[in-house]
């Protein structure tokens, strides 16, 4: 989730990701590979000598970022302790992510929702 969050801000470079996340290179390589295989990130060359790459969100990856932002808002609401990051708009004004129904634009009404299995 943190890799996708960071890639949503700018193209992500390996050393930058390693420094930001504080994880071992082999673990980061595995996670990036999985995200590429799952179609959430795309690997692009930005230097040929030496070969260097950056990682950018695909459309599929960009579609998951609002979900991550909503999960982050939930975490800040129930578990946040002061210095946690937050989401702002282009003017720097804090925003509170909210999951809404795309058809109506209304917040999802948890109490009246049902999960229905598709008919075979």
C-alpha atoms as a PDB file:
ATOM      1  CA  UNK A   1       0.000   0.000   0.000  1.00  0.00           C
ATOM      2  CA  UNK A   2       2.825   2.398   0.819  1.00  0.00           C
ATOM      3  CA  UNK A   3       4.517   1.789  -2.535  1.00  0.00           C
ATOM      4  CA  UNK A   4       1.287   2.634  -4.357  1.00  0.00           C
ATOM      5  CA  UNK A   5       0.782   5.689  -2.156  1.00  0.00           C
ATOM      6  CA  UNK A   6       4.275   6.953  -2.978  1.00  0.00           C
ATOM      7  CA  UNK A   7       3.894   6.168  -6.695  1.00  0.00           C
ATOM      8  CA  UNK A   8       0.661   8.182  -6.734  1.00  0.00           C
ATOM      9  CA  UNK A   9       2.614  11.355  -5.945  1.00  0.00           C
ATOM     10  CA  UNK A  10       5.386  11.081  -8.571  1.00  0.00           C
ATOM     11  CA  UNK A  11       7.117   8.399 -10.610  1.00  0.00           C
ATOM     12  CA  UNK A  12       8.846   6.240  -8.005  1.00  0.00           C
ATOM     13  CA  UNK A  13      12.530   5.388  -8.248  1.00  0.00           C
ATOM     14  CA  UNK A  14      13.997   2.344  -6.518  1.00  0.00           C
ATOM     15  CA  UNK A  15      16.431   4.104  -4.182  1.00  0.00           C
ATOM     16  CA  UNK A  16      13.832   6.702  -3.268  1.00  0.00           C
ATOM     17  CA  UNK A  17      11.333   3.951  -2.399  1.00  0.00           C
ATOM     18  CA  UNK A  18      13.937   2.043  -0.401  1.00  0.00           C
ATOM     19  CA  UNK A  19      14.826   5.153   1.607  1.00  0.00           C
ATOM     20  CA  UNK A  20      11.184   6.165   2.173  1.00  0.00           C
ATOM     21  CA  UNK A  21      10.044   2.714   3.219  1.00  0.00           C
ATOM     22  CA  UNK A  22      13.176   1.553   5.008  1.00  0.00           C
ATOM     23  CA  UNK A  23      13.039  -1.978   3.605  1.00  0.00           C
ATOM     24  CA  UNK A  24      15.694  -4.303   2.234  1.00  0.00           C
ATOM     25  CA  UNK A  25      16.346  -4.136  -1.533  1.00  0.00           C
ATOM     26  CA  UNK A  26      15.360  -7.786  -2.095  1.00  0.00           C
ATOM     27  CA  UNK A  27      11.987  -7.263  -0.396  1.00  0.00           C
ATOM     28  CA  UNK A  28      11.333  -4.068  -2.349  1.00  0.00           C
ATOM     29  CA  UNK A  29      12.249  -5.834  -5.602  1.00  0.00           C
ATOM     30  CA  UNK A  30       9.750  -8.620  -4.858  1.00  0.00           C
ATOM     31  CA  UNK A  31       6.993  -6.168  -3.995  1.00  0.00           C
ATOM     32  CA  UNK A  32       7.589  -4.061  -7.104  1.00  0.00           C
ATOM     33  CA  UNK A  33       7.629  -7.194  -9.258  1.00  0.00           C
ATOM     34  CA  UNK A  34       4.315  -8.328  -7.775  1.00  0.00           C
ATOM     35  CA  UNK A  35       2.722  -4.911  -8.330  1.00  0.00           C
ATOM     36  CA  UNK A  36       3.913  -4.944 -11.952  1.00  0.00           C
ATOM     37  CA  UNK A  37       2.637  -8.499 -12.506  1.00  0.00           C
ATOM     38  CA  UNK A  38      -0.723  -7.526 -10.990  1.00  0.00           C
ATOM     39  CA  UNK A  39      -0.950  -4.583 -13.402  1.00  0.00           C
ATOM     40  CA  UNK A  40      -0.844  -1.855 -10.751  1.00  0.00           C
ATOM     41  CA  UNK A  41       2.564  -0.425 -11.687  1.00  0.00           C
ATOM     42  CA  UNK A  42       4.514  -0.051 -14.906  1.00  0.00           C
ATOM     43  CA  UNK A  43       8.324  -0.038 -15.055  1.00  0.00           C
ATOM     44  CA  UNK A  44       9.848   2.634 -17.306  1.00  0.00           C
ATOM     45  CA  UNK A  45      13.483   3.337 -18.132  1.00  0.00           C
ATOM     46  CA  UNK A  46      14.695   6.841 -17.378  1.00  0.00           C
ATOM     47  CA  UNK A  47      18.408   6.189 -18.012  1.00  0.00           C
ATOM     48  CA  UNK A  48      20.201   3.747 -20.278  1.00  0.00           C
ATOM     49  CA  UNK A  49      23.723   4.188 -18.914  1.00  0.00           C
ATOM     50  CA  UNK A  50      23.562   2.928 -16.300  1.00  0.00           C
ATOM     51  CA  UNK A  51      20.147   1.321 -16.726  1.00  0.00           C
ATOM     52  CA  UNK A  52      17.744   3.002 -14.286  1.00  0.00           C
ATOM     53  CA  UNK A  53      14.008   2.634 -13.937  1.00  0.00           C
ATOM     54  CA  UNK A  54      11.074   4.382 -12.361  1.00  0.00           C
ATOM     55  CA  UNK A  55       7.702   2.958 -11.474  1.00  0.00           C
ATOM     56  CA  UNK A  56       4.437   4.652 -12.412  1.00  0.00           C
ATOM     57  CA  UNK A  57       0.843   3.806 -11.657  1.00  0.00           C
ATOM     58  CA  UNK A  58      -1.213   2.179 -14.374  1.00  0.00           C
ATOM     59  CA  UNK A  59      -4.904   3.052 -14.692  1.00  0.00           C
ATOM     60  CA  UNK A  60      -5.622   0.005 -12.534  1.00  0.00           C
ATOM     61  CA  UNK A  61      -3.161   1.253  -9.913  1.00  0.00           C
ATOM     62  CA  UNK A  62      -4.609   4.771  -9.979  1.00  0.00           C
ATOM     63  CA  UNK A  63      -8.080   3.336  -9.358  1.00  0.00           C
ATOM     64  CA  UNK A  64      -6.943   1.800  -6.052  1.00  0.00           C
ATOM     65  CA  UNK A  65      -5.397   5.007  -4.628  1.00  0.00           C
ATOM     66  CA  UNK A  66      -8.730   6.532  -3.470  1.00  0.00           C
ATOM     67  CA  UNK A  67      -9.403   3.286  -1.609  1.00  0.00           C
ATOM     68  CA  UNK A  68      -6.024   3.569   0.110  1.00  0.00           C
ATOM     69  CA  UNK A  69      -6.821   7.171   1.021  1.00  0.00           C
ATOM     70  CA  UNK A  70     -10.138   6.089   2.566  1.00  0.00           C
ATOM     71  CA  UNK A  71      -8.379   3.362   4.573  1.00  0.00           C
ATOM     72  CA  UNK A  72      -5.840   5.940   5.734  1.00  0.00           C
ATOM     73  CA  UNK A  73      -8.646   8.286   6.844  1.00  0.00           C
ATOM     74  CA  UNK A  74     -10.204   5.444   8.822  1.00  0.00           C
ATOM     75  CA  UNK A  75      -6.858   4.719  10.482  1.00  0.00           C
ATOM     76  CA  UNK A  76      -6.333   8.359  11.403  1.00  0.00           C
ATOM     77  CA  UNK A  77      -9.859   8.584  12.814  1.00  0.00           C
ATOM     78  CA  UNK A  78      -9.593   5.523  15.030  1.00  0.00           C
ATOM     79  CA  UNK A  79      -5.870   5.004  15.586  1.00  0.00           C
ATOM     80  CA  UNK A  80      -4.154   8.277  14.654  1.00  0.00           C
ATOM     81  CA  UNK A  81      -1.807   9.752  17.193  1.00  0.00           C
ATOM     82  CA  UNK A  82      -0.873  13.289  16.207  1.00  0.00           C
ATOM     83  CA  UNK A  83       1.837  13.230  13.541  1.00  0.00           C
ATOM     84  CA  UNK A  84       0.183  10.959  10.967  1.00  0.00           C
ATOM     85  CA  UNK A  85       0.038  12.052   7.346  1.00  0.00           C
ATOM     86  CA  UNK A  86      -3.160  13.427   5.893  1.00  0.00           C
ATOM     87  CA  UNK A  87      -4.673  14.170   2.493  1.00  0.00           C
ATOM     88  CA  UNK A  88      -4.919  17.696   1.095  1.00  0.00           C
ATOM     89  CA  UNK A  89      -6.257  19.177  -2.130  1.00  0.00           C
ATOM     90  CA  UNK A  90      -4.198  21.269  -4.575  1.00  0.00           C
ATOM     91  CA  UNK A  91      -4.571  24.357  -2.364  1.00  0.00           C
ATOM     92  CA  UNK A  92      -3.268  22.506   0.692  1.00  0.00           C
ATOM     93  CA  UNK A  93      -6.670  22.331   2.374  1.00  0.00           C
ATOM     94  CA  UNK A  94      -7.163  19.062   4.268  1.00  0.00           C
ATOM     95  CA  UNK A  95      -9.779  16.757   2.772  1.00  0.00           C
ATOM     96  CA  UNK A  96     -11.543  13.814   4.329  1.00  0.00           C
ATOM     97  CA  UNK A  97     -11.803  10.880   1.882  1.00  0.00           C
ATOM     98  CA  UNK A  98     -15.270   9.348   1.672  1.00  0.00           C
ATOM     99  CA  UNK A  99     -16.569   6.332  -0.248  1.00  0.00           C
ATOM    100  CA  UNK A 100     -19.682   7.171  -2.245  1.00  0.00           C
ATOM    101  CA  UNK A 101     -22.030   5.461  -4.662  1.00  0.00           C
ATOM    102  CA  UNK A 102     -20.865   6.427  -8.177  1.00  0.00           C
ATOM    103  CA  UNK A 103     -24.466   6.425  -9.409  1.00  0.00           C
ATOM    104  CA  UNK A 104     -25.957   8.748  -6.790  1.00  0.00           C
ATOM    105  CA  UNK A 105     -22.906  10.468  -5.300  1.00  0.00           C
ATOM    106  CA  UNK A 106     -24.221   9.670  -1.813  1.00  0.00           C
ATOM    107  CA  UNK A 107     -22.129   8.093   0.960  1.00  0.00           C
ATOM    108  CA  UNK A 108     -22.526   4.331   1.120  1.00  0.00           C
ATOM    109  CA  UNK A 109     -25.328   3.520   3.570  1.00  0.00           C
ATOM    110  CA  UNK A 110     -23.761   0.625   5.472  1.00  0.00           C
ATOM    111  CA  UNK A 111     -26.900  -0.305   7.362  1.00  0.00           C
ATOM    112  CA  UNK A 112     -29.019  -0.720   4.231  1.00  0.00           C
ATOM    113  CA  UNK A 113     -26.417  -2.413   1.994  1.00  0.00           C
ATOM    114  CA  UNK A 114     -26.490  -6.113   1.139  1.00  0.00           C
ATOM    115  CA  UNK A 115     -23.954  -8.247  -0.681  1.00  0.00           C
ATOM    116  CA  UNK A 116     -25.653 -10.312  -3.384  1.00  0.00           C
ATOM    117  CA  UNK A 117     -23.970 -13.209  -5.158  1.00  0.00           C
ATOM    118  CA  UNK A 118     -24.384 -13.247  -8.928  1.00  0.00           C
ATOM    119  CA  UNK A 119     -26.872 -15.764 -10.264  1.00  0.00           C
ATOM    120  CA  UNK A 120     -25.275 -18.737 -12.074  1.00  0.00           C
END
